[in-house]
C-alpha atoms as a PDB file:
ATOM      1  CA  LYS A   1      -5.257  46.925 -19.783  1.00  0.00           C
ATOM      2  CA  PRO A   2      -6.554  50.348 -18.627  1.00  0.00           C
ATOM      3  CA  ASN A   3      -5.340  53.376 -20.578  1.00  0.00           C
ATOM      4  CA  ALA A   4      -3.773  54.759 -17.399  1.00  0.00           C
ATOM      5  CA  ASP A   5      -1.622  51.644 -16.936  1.00  0.00           C
ATOM      6  CA  SER A   6       1.848  52.399 -18.314  1.00  0.00           C
ATOM      7  CA  ARG A   7       3.274  48.986 -17.493  1.00  0.00           C
ATOM      8  CA  THR A   8       4.187  46.451 -20.169  1.00  0.00           C
ATOM      9  CA  TYR A   9       2.970  42.863 -19.853  1.00  0.00           C
ATOM     10  CA  VAL A  10       4.397  39.784 -21.529  1.00  0.00           C
ATOM     11  CA  HIS A  11       2.942  36.309 -21.126  1.00  0.00           C
ATOM     12  CA  THR A  12       4.633  33.119 -22.246  1.00  0.00           C
ATOM     13  CA  THR A  13       4.744  29.394 -21.531  1.00  0.00           C
ATOM     14  CA  PHE A  14       8.089  27.632 -21.133  1.00  0.00           C
ATOM     15  CA  ASP A  15       8.814  24.263 -22.710  1.00  0.00           C
ATOM     16  CA  SER A  16       8.368  22.641 -19.290  1.00  0.00           C
ATOM     17  CA  GLY A  17       4.778  23.890 -19.112  1.00  0.00           C
ATOM     18  CA  LEU A  18       5.498  26.707 -16.641  1.00  0.00           C
ATOM     19  CA  ARG A  19       3.335  29.753 -17.377  1.00  0.00           C
ATOM     20  CA  VAL A  20       5.082  33.089 -16.926  1.00  0.00           C
ATOM     21  CA  MET A  21       3.859  36.687 -16.716  1.00  0.00           C
ATOM     22  CA  LEU A  22       6.484  39.436 -16.942  1.00  0.00           C
ATOM     23  CA  VAL A  23       5.597  42.994 -15.932  1.00  0.00           C
ATOM     24  CA  GLN A  24       7.905  45.872 -16.807  1.00  0.00           C
ATOM     25  CA  ASP A  25       7.179  48.802 -14.509  1.00  0.00           C
ATOM     26  CA  ALA A  26       9.452  51.804 -15.009  1.00  0.00           C
ATOM     27  CA  GLU A  27       8.524  53.094 -11.549  1.00  0.00           C
ATOM     28  CA  ALA A  28       9.322  49.867  -9.695  1.00  0.00           C
ATOM     29  CA  LYS A  29      12.150  50.371  -7.201  1.00  0.00           C
ATOM     30  CA  ASN A  30      12.496  46.658  -6.354  1.00  0.00           C
ATOM     31  CA  THR A  31      11.927  43.318  -8.038  1.00  0.00           C
ATOM     32  CA  GLY A  32       8.858  41.326  -7.109  1.00  0.00           C
ATOM     33  CA  CYS A  33       8.383  37.641  -7.787  1.00  0.00           C
ATOM     34  CA  ALA A  34       5.441  35.340  -7.064  1.00  0.00           C
ATOM     35  CA  MET A  35       4.528  31.741  -7.793  1.00  0.00           C
ATOM     36  CA  SER A  36       1.016  30.363  -7.633  1.00  0.00           C
ATOM     37  CA  VAL A  37       0.667  26.586  -7.359  1.00  0.00           C
ATOM     38  CA  GLU A  38      -2.606  25.025  -8.480  1.00  0.00           C
ATOM     39  CA  ALA A  39      -2.891  22.955  -5.302  1.00  0.00           C
ATOM     40  CA  GLY A  40      -4.437  23.706  -1.944  1.00  0.00           C
ATOM     41  CA  SER A  41      -6.111  22.053   0.995  1.00  0.00           C
ATOM     42  CA  LEU A  42      -8.736  20.366  -1.205  1.00  0.00           C
ATOM     43  CA  ASP A  43      -5.826  18.331  -2.601  1.00  0.00           C
ATOM     44  CA  ASP A  44      -4.838  16.999   0.832  1.00  0.00           C
ATOM     45  CA  PRO A  45      -4.794  13.209   1.079  1.00  0.00           C
ATOM     46  CA  ALA A  46      -7.360  11.922   3.573  1.00  0.00           C
ATOM     47  CA  ASP A  47      -4.590  10.291   5.597  1.00  0.00           C
ATOM     48  CA  PHE A  48      -2.434  13.465   5.788  1.00  0.00           C
ATOM     49  CA  GLN A  49      -4.855  16.326   6.428  1.00  0.00           C
ATOM     50  CA  GLY A  50      -3.040  19.672   6.300  1.00  0.00           C
ATOM     51  CA  LEU A  51      -0.348  18.399   3.917  1.00  0.00           C
ATOM     52  CA  ALA A  52      -0.723  21.272   1.414  1.00  0.00           C
ATOM     53  CA  HIS A  53      -0.167  23.770   4.219  1.00  0.00           C
ATOM     54  CA  PHE A  54       2.767  21.808   5.592  1.00  0.00           C
ATOM     55  CA  THR A  55       4.369  21.577   2.146  1.00  0.00           C
ATOM     56  CA  GLU A  56       4.167  25.372   1.960  1.00  0.00           C
ATOM     57  CA  HIS A  57       6.218  25.520   5.176  1.00  0.00           C
ATOM     58  CA  MET A  58       8.759  22.893   4.183  1.00  0.00           C
ATOM     59  CA  VAL A  59       9.868  24.166   0.759  1.00  0.00           C
ATOM     60  CA  PHE A  60      11.500  27.179   2.459  1.00  0.00           C
ATOM     61  CA  LEU A  61      13.819  24.942   4.467  1.00  0.00           C
ATOM     62  CA  GLY A  62      16.570  23.919   2.099  1.00  0.00           C
ATOM     63  CA  SER A  63      16.987  22.245  -1.276  1.00  0.00           C
ATOM     64  CA  SER A  64      19.470  19.981  -2.999  1.00  0.00           C
ATOM     65  CA  LYS A  65      21.281  23.021  -4.402  1.00  0.00           C
ATOM     66  CA  TYR A  66      20.970  25.132  -1.239  1.00  0.00           C
ATOM     67  CA  PRO A  67      20.822  22.702   1.710  1.00  0.00           C
ATOM     68  CA  ASP A  68      21.127  25.401   4.390  1.00  0.00           C
ATOM     69  CA  GLU A  69      17.637  25.844   5.845  1.00  0.00           C
ATOM     70  CA  ASP A  70      18.246  29.576   6.425  1.00  0.00           C
ATOM     71  CA  GLU A  71      19.768  30.423   3.040  1.00  0.00           C
ATOM     72  CA  PHE A  72      16.651  31.994   1.532  1.00  0.00           C
ATOM     73  CA  SER A  73      15.776  34.146   4.550  1.00  0.00           C
ATOM     74  CA  ARG A  74      19.423  35.151   5.055  1.00  0.00           C
ATOM     75  CA  VAL A  75      19.989  36.285   1.460  1.00  0.00           C
ATOM     76  CA  LEU A  76      16.591  37.968   1.306  1.00  0.00           C
ATOM     77  CA  ALA A  77      17.364  39.975   4.453  1.00  0.00           C
ATOM     78  CA  LEU A  78      20.840  40.831   3.166  1.00  0.00           C
ATOM     79  CA  HIS A  79      19.234  42.566   0.180  1.00  0.00           C
ATOM     80  CA  GLY A  80      16.428  44.296   2.075  1.00  0.00           C
ATOM     81  CA  GLY A  81      13.749  41.873   0.955  1.00  0.00           C
ATOM     82  CA  ARG A  82      10.587  40.440   2.421  1.00  0.00           C
ATOM     83  CA  ASP A  83       8.373  37.493   1.616  1.00  0.00           C
ATOM     84  CA  ASN A  84       5.321  35.520   2.611  1.00  0.00           C
ATOM     85  CA  ALA A  85       3.170  32.579   1.530  1.00  0.00           C
ATOM     86  CA  PHE A  86      -0.331  31.233   2.073  1.00  0.00           C
ATOM     87  CA  THR A  87      -2.421  28.171   1.322  1.00  0.00           C
ATOM     88  CA  THR A  88      -6.088  28.342   0.337  1.00  0.00           C
ATOM     89  CA  VAL A  89      -8.502  25.592  -0.623  1.00  0.00           C
ATOM     90  CA  ASP A  90      -7.333  25.522  -4.241  1.00  0.00           C
ATOM     91  CA  GLU A  91      -3.935  27.219  -4.468  1.00  0.00           C
ATOM     92  CA  THR A  92      -0.688  27.902  -2.643  1.00  0.00           C
ATOM     93  CA  VAL A  93       1.014  31.240  -3.272  1.00  0.00           C
ATOM     94  CA  PHE A  94       4.585  32.311  -2.533  1.00  0.00           C
ATOM     95  CA  TYR A  95       5.769  35.880  -3.063  1.00  0.00           C
ATOM     96  CA  ASN A  96       8.773  38.045  -2.328  1.00  0.00           C
ATOM     97  CA  GLN A  97      10.192  41.501  -2.973  1.00  0.00           C
ATOM     98  CA  VAL A  98      13.881  42.339  -2.997  1.00  0.00           C
ATOM     99  CA  SER A  99      16.313  44.984  -4.235  1.00  0.00           C
ATOM    100  CA  ASN A 100      17.164  44.799  -7.916  1.00  0.00           C
ATOM    101  CA  GLU A 101      20.766  44.004  -6.986  1.00  0.00           C
ATOM    102  CA  GLY A 102      19.713  40.935  -5.019  1.00  0.00           C
ATOM    103  CA  ALA A 103      16.969  39.721  -7.362  1.00  0.00           C
ATOM    104  CA  ASP A 104      19.043  37.260  -9.361  1.00  0.00           C
ATOM    105  CA  ARG A 105      20.461  35.514  -6.283  1.00  0.00           C
ATOM    106  CA  VAL A 106      17.134  35.410  -4.448  1.00  0.00           C
ATOM    107  CA  MET A 107      15.301  34.054  -7.482  1.00  0.00           C
ATOM    108  CA  ASP A 108      17.812  31.251  -7.877  1.00  0.00           C
ATOM    109  CA  ILE A 109      17.155  30.090  -4.311  1.00  0.00           C
ATOM    110  CA  PHE A 110      13.403  30.655  -4.673  1.00  0.00           C
ATOM    111  CA  ALA A 111      13.251  28.505  -7.816  1.00  0.00           C
ATOM    112  CA  ARG A 112      14.512  25.511  -5.868  1.00  0.00           C
ATOM    113  CA  PHE A 113      11.283  25.524  -3.806  1.00  0.00           C
ATOM    114  CA  PHE A 114       9.681  24.059  -6.912  1.00  0.00           C
ATOM    115  CA  ILE A 115      12.599  22.054  -8.327  1.00  0.00           C
ATOM    116  CA  ASP A 116      14.342  20.128  -5.543  1.00  0.00           C
ATOM    117  CA  PRO A 117      13.305  20.923  -1.942  1.00  0.00           C
ATOM    118  CA  SER A 118      15.158  18.644   0.424  1.00  0.00           C
ATOM    119  CA  PHE A 119      12.371  17.673   2.858  1.00  0.00           C
ATOM    120  CA  ALA A 120      15.136  16.579   5.222  1.00  0.00           C
ATOM    121  CA  PRO A 121      13.702  14.271   7.914  1.00  0.00           C
ATOM    122  CA  GLY A 122      15.248  16.304  10.733  1.00  0.00           C
ATOM    123  CA  MET A 123      13.696  19.494   9.418  1.00  0.00           C
ATOM    124  CA  VAL A 124      10.334  17.782   8.940  1.00  0.00           C
ATOM    125  CA  ASP A 125      10.352  16.646  12.568  1.00  0.00           C
ATOM    126  CA  ARG A 126      11.172  20.158  13.742  1.00  0.00           C
ATOM    127  CA  GLU A 127       8.764  22.050  11.506  1.00  0.00           C
ATOM    128  CA  ILE A 128       5.788  19.833  12.318  1.00  0.00           C
ATOM    129  CA  HIS A 129       5.944  21.257  15.843  1.00  0.00           C
ATOM    130  CA  ALA A 130       5.898  24.796  14.404  1.00  0.00           C
ATOM    131  CA  VAL A 131       2.717  23.978  12.461  1.00  0.00           C
ATOM    132  CA  ASP A 132       1.212  22.346  15.545  1.00  0.00           C
ATOM    133  CA  ALA A 133       2.010  25.487  17.565  1.00  0.00           C
ATOM    134  CA  GLU A 134       0.440  27.645  14.838  1.00  0.00           C
ATOM    135  CA  HIS A 135      -2.785  25.668  15.118  1.00  0.00           C
ATOM    136  CA  LYS A 136      -2.802  25.893  18.931  1.00  0.00           C
ATOM    137  CA  LYS A 137      -2.249  29.667  18.710  1.00  0.00           C
ATOM    138  CA  ASN A 138      -5.280  29.976  16.420  1.00  0.00           C
ATOM    139  CA  GLN A 139      -7.605  27.826  18.524  1.00  0.00           C
ATOM    140  CA  PRO A 140      -8.986  30.688  20.679  1.00  0.00           C
ATOM    141  CA  ASP A 141      -9.948  32.690  17.557  1.00  0.00           C
ATOM    142  CA  THR A 142     -13.753  32.583  17.248  1.00  0.00           C
ATOM    143  CA  ASP A 143     -13.836  33.040  13.481  1.00  0.00           C
ATOM    144  CA  ARG A 144     -11.409  30.176  12.963  1.00  0.00           C
ATOM    145  CA  ARG A 145     -13.367  27.947  15.354  1.00  0.00           C
ATOM    146  CA  LEU A 146     -16.584  28.612  13.433  1.00  0.00           C
ATOM    147  CA  TRP A 147     -14.776  27.962  10.141  1.00  0.00           C
ATOM    148  CA  HIS A 148     -13.477  24.593  11.329  1.00  0.00           C
ATOM    149  CA  LEU A 149     -16.876  23.733  12.803  1.00  0.00           C
ATOM    150  CA  MET A 150     -18.561  24.449   9.476  1.00  0.00           C
ATOM    151  CA  ARG A 151     -16.055  22.290   7.594  1.00  0.00           C
ATOM    152  CA  SER A 152     -16.431  19.453  10.092  1.00  0.00           C
ATOM    153  CA  LYS A 153     -20.125  19.273   9.188  1.00  0.00           C
ATOM    154  CA  ALA A 154     -19.438  18.737   5.489  1.00  0.00           C
ATOM    155  CA  ASN A 155     -19.957  15.320   3.898  1.00  0.00           C
ATOM    156  CA  VAL A 156     -17.124  13.092   5.103  1.00  0.00           C
ATOM    157  CA  GLU A 157     -16.598  11.922   1.500  1.00  0.00           C
ATOM    158  CA  ASN A 158     -15.886  15.503   0.434  1.00  0.00           C
ATOM    159  CA  PRO A 159     -12.377  16.983   0.958  1.00  0.00           C
ATOM    160  CA  GLY A 160     -14.117  20.099   2.254  1.00  0.00           C
ATOM    161  CA  HIS A 161     -14.600  18.076   5.445  1.00  0.00           C
ATOM    162  CA  PHE A 162     -10.835  17.872   6.040  1.00  0.00           C
ATOM    163  CA  PHE A 163      -8.845  19.726   8.688  1.00  0.00           C
ATOM    164  CA  THR A 164      -6.935  22.129   6.455  1.00  0.00           C
ATOM    165  CA  THR A 165      -4.307  23.535   8.834  1.00  0.00           C
ATOM    166  CA  GLY A 166      -2.960  20.189  10.004  1.00  0.00           C
ATOM    167  CA  ASP A 167      -1.284  19.474  13.307  1.00  0.00           C
ATOM    168  CA  LEU A 168       0.994  16.945  14.942  1.00  0.00           C
ATOM    169  CA  ARG A 169      -1.822  14.384  15.127  1.00  0.00           C
ATOM    170  CA  THR A 170      -3.134  14.569  11.536  1.00  0.00           C
ATOM    171  CA  LEU A 171       0.266  14.903   9.881  1.00  0.00           C
ATOM    172  CA  LYS A 172       2.530  12.691  11.966  1.00  0.00           C
ATOM    173  CA  THR A 173       1.376  10.652  14.940  1.00  0.00           C
ATOM    174  CA  GLU A 174      -1.791   9.241  13.371  1.00  0.00           C
ATOM    175  CA  PRO A 175      -0.295   8.397   9.938  1.00  0.00           C
ATOM    176  CA  GLU A 176       2.842   6.941  11.541  1.00  0.00           C
ATOM    177  CA  SER A 177       0.677   4.695  13.721  1.00  0.00           C
ATOM    178  CA  HIS A 178      -0.437   3.119  10.435  1.00  0.00           C
ATOM    179  CA  GLY A 179       3.112   2.799   9.106  1.00  0.00           C
ATOM    180  CA  LYS A 180       2.980   5.880   6.850  1.00  0.00           C
ATOM    181  CA  SER A 181       5.842   8.354   6.414  1.00  0.00           C
ATOM    182  CA  LEU A 182       5.330  12.126   6.433  1.00  0.00           C
ATOM    183  CA  VAL A 183       8.573  12.644   4.487  1.00  0.00           C
ATOM    184  CA  GLN A 184       7.414  10.274   1.747  1.00  0.00           C
ATOM    185  CA  ALA A 185       3.991  11.954   1.698  1.00  0.00           C
ATOM    186  CA  LEU A 186       5.619  15.384   1.275  1.00  0.00           C
ATOM    187  CA  ARG A 187       7.733  14.182  -1.639  1.00  0.00           C
ATOM    188  CA  ALA A 188       4.774  12.511  -3.329  1.00  0.00           C
ATOM    189  CA  PHE A 189       2.565  15.602  -2.860  1.00  0.00           C
ATOM    190  CA  HIS A 190       5.258  17.924  -4.211  1.00  0.00           C
ATOM    191  CA  ARG A 191       5.955  15.670  -7.193  1.00  0.00           C
ATOM    192  CA  ALA A 192       2.259  15.449  -8.098  1.00  0.00           C
ATOM    193  CA  ASN A 193       1.237  19.059  -7.476  1.00  0.00           C
ATOM    194  CA  TYR A 194       4.313  21.300  -7.792  1.00  0.00           C
ATOM    195  CA  CYS A 195       4.788  20.250 -11.401  1.00  0.00           C
ATOM    196  CA  ALA A 196       5.340  22.778 -14.163  1.00  0.00           C
ATOM    197  CA  ARG A 197       1.876  22.727 -15.727  1.00  0.00           C
ATOM    198  CA  ARG A 198       0.390  23.687 -12.356  1.00  0.00           C
ATOM    199  CA  LEU A 199       2.790  26.581 -11.706  1.00  0.00           C
ATOM    200  CA  HIS A 200       2.253  30.251 -12.585  1.00  0.00           C
ATOM    201  CA  LEU A 201       5.221  32.631 -12.222  1.00  0.00           C
ATOM    202  CA  VAL A 202       4.922  36.443 -12.131  1.00  0.00           C
ATOM    203  CA  ILE A 203       7.858  38.863 -12.111  1.00  0.00           C
ATOM    204  CA  VAL A 204       7.559  42.647 -11.723  1.00  0.00           C
ATOM    205  CA  SER A 205      10.614  44.836 -12.267  1.00  0.00           C
ATOM    206  CA  ASN A 206      11.870  47.969 -13.978  1.00  0.00           C
ATOM    207  CA  ALA A 207      14.101  45.706 -16.080  1.00  0.00           C
ATOM    208  CA  SER A 208      13.057  45.073 -19.654  1.00  0.00           C
ATOM    209  CA  ALA A 209      10.850  42.105 -20.479  1.00  0.00           C
ATOM    210  CA  GLU A 210      13.809  40.552 -22.307  1.00  0.00           C
ATOM    211  CA  GLU A 211      15.995  40.802 -19.194  1.00  0.00           C
ATOM    212  CA  GLN A 212      13.244  39.387 -17.001  1.00  0.00           C
ATOM    213  CA  LEU A 213      12.657  36.525 -19.438  1.00  0.00           C
ATOM    214  CA  ALA A 214      16.362  35.656 -19.440  1.00  0.00           C
ATOM    215  CA  MET A 215      16.388  35.621 -15.635  1.00  0.00           C
ATOM    216  CA  ALA A 216      13.297  33.399 -15.488  1.00  0.00           C
ATOM    217  CA  HIS A 217      14.834  30.939 -17.957  1.00  0.00           C
ATOM    218  CA  ARG A 218      18.113  30.954 -16.051  1.00  0.00           C
ATOM    219  CA  HIS A 219      16.486  29.916 -12.795  1.00  0.00           C
ATOM    220  CA  PHE A 220      13.396  27.932 -13.768  1.00  0.00           C
ATOM    221  CA  ASP A 221      14.479  25.942 -16.821  1.00  0.00           C
ATOM    222  CA  SER A 222      15.555  23.154 -14.472  1.00  0.00           C
ATOM    223  CA  LEU A 223      11.908  22.357 -13.768  1.00  0.00           C
ATOM    224  CA  PRO A 224      11.185  18.867 -15.106  1.00  0.00           C
ATOM    225  CA  PRO A 225       9.005  19.008 -18.242  1.00  0.00           C
ATOM    226  CA  ALA A 226       5.362  18.227 -17.480  1.00  0.00           C
ATOM    227  CA  THR A 227       3.067  16.034 -19.527  1.00  0.00           C
ATOM    228  CA  GLN A 228      -0.659  15.500 -19.301  1.00  0.00           C
ATOM    229  CA  GLU A 229       0.042  12.156 -17.639  1.00  0.00           C
ATOM    230  CA  SER A 230       2.662  13.366 -15.137  1.00  0.00           C
ATOM    231  CA  CYS A 231       0.983  16.693 -14.381  1.00  0.00           C
ATOM    232  CA  PRO A 232      -2.748  16.733 -15.199  1.00  0.00           C
END
């Protein structure tokens, strides 16, 4: 690290395969947490184009432990936090920042994005319309239109040809016309791609590395262990 960088960095890999970077920053006033998933739009199945992006949306909306769809946003707001997420061609990234007092609670809810999201059918049906509206909102944007045009000209055998945002047609109406279930596709995609060996966790806080490590273990040790076969 640069000589001017006074932060302390600790890197470790949990037994599950989860890779963790802990950053102790004495000047940090809040706790930051991010997870990078080694899966993006290039991992979309041909019959569910936009599934990586839609999975990013759906993991926020409840889990087995926290079934309330608004629990994460409610607790985050209660502790003055903020968050965001994005999907690229080869990764999906989630990040949040919250007061130190709220960090433990927020991280427990956040961890369930990767452990046991509910993918409740009612929520799937509602959120697909939000993604469809997002795509319609972006349609007038010239840069996005050129981007999609360029991708549409790629070799049809290459996933770079796929429609990465997804909409009601590519994610629901078309697959369902062939007897395929979006809920089942979400669960299969999450199981295959949100596995521990493909996850990278970063925490930044003024807490010691030992305290951060204990918090990470407390919330993420429930991740199922990954093997080369189950999580290549």
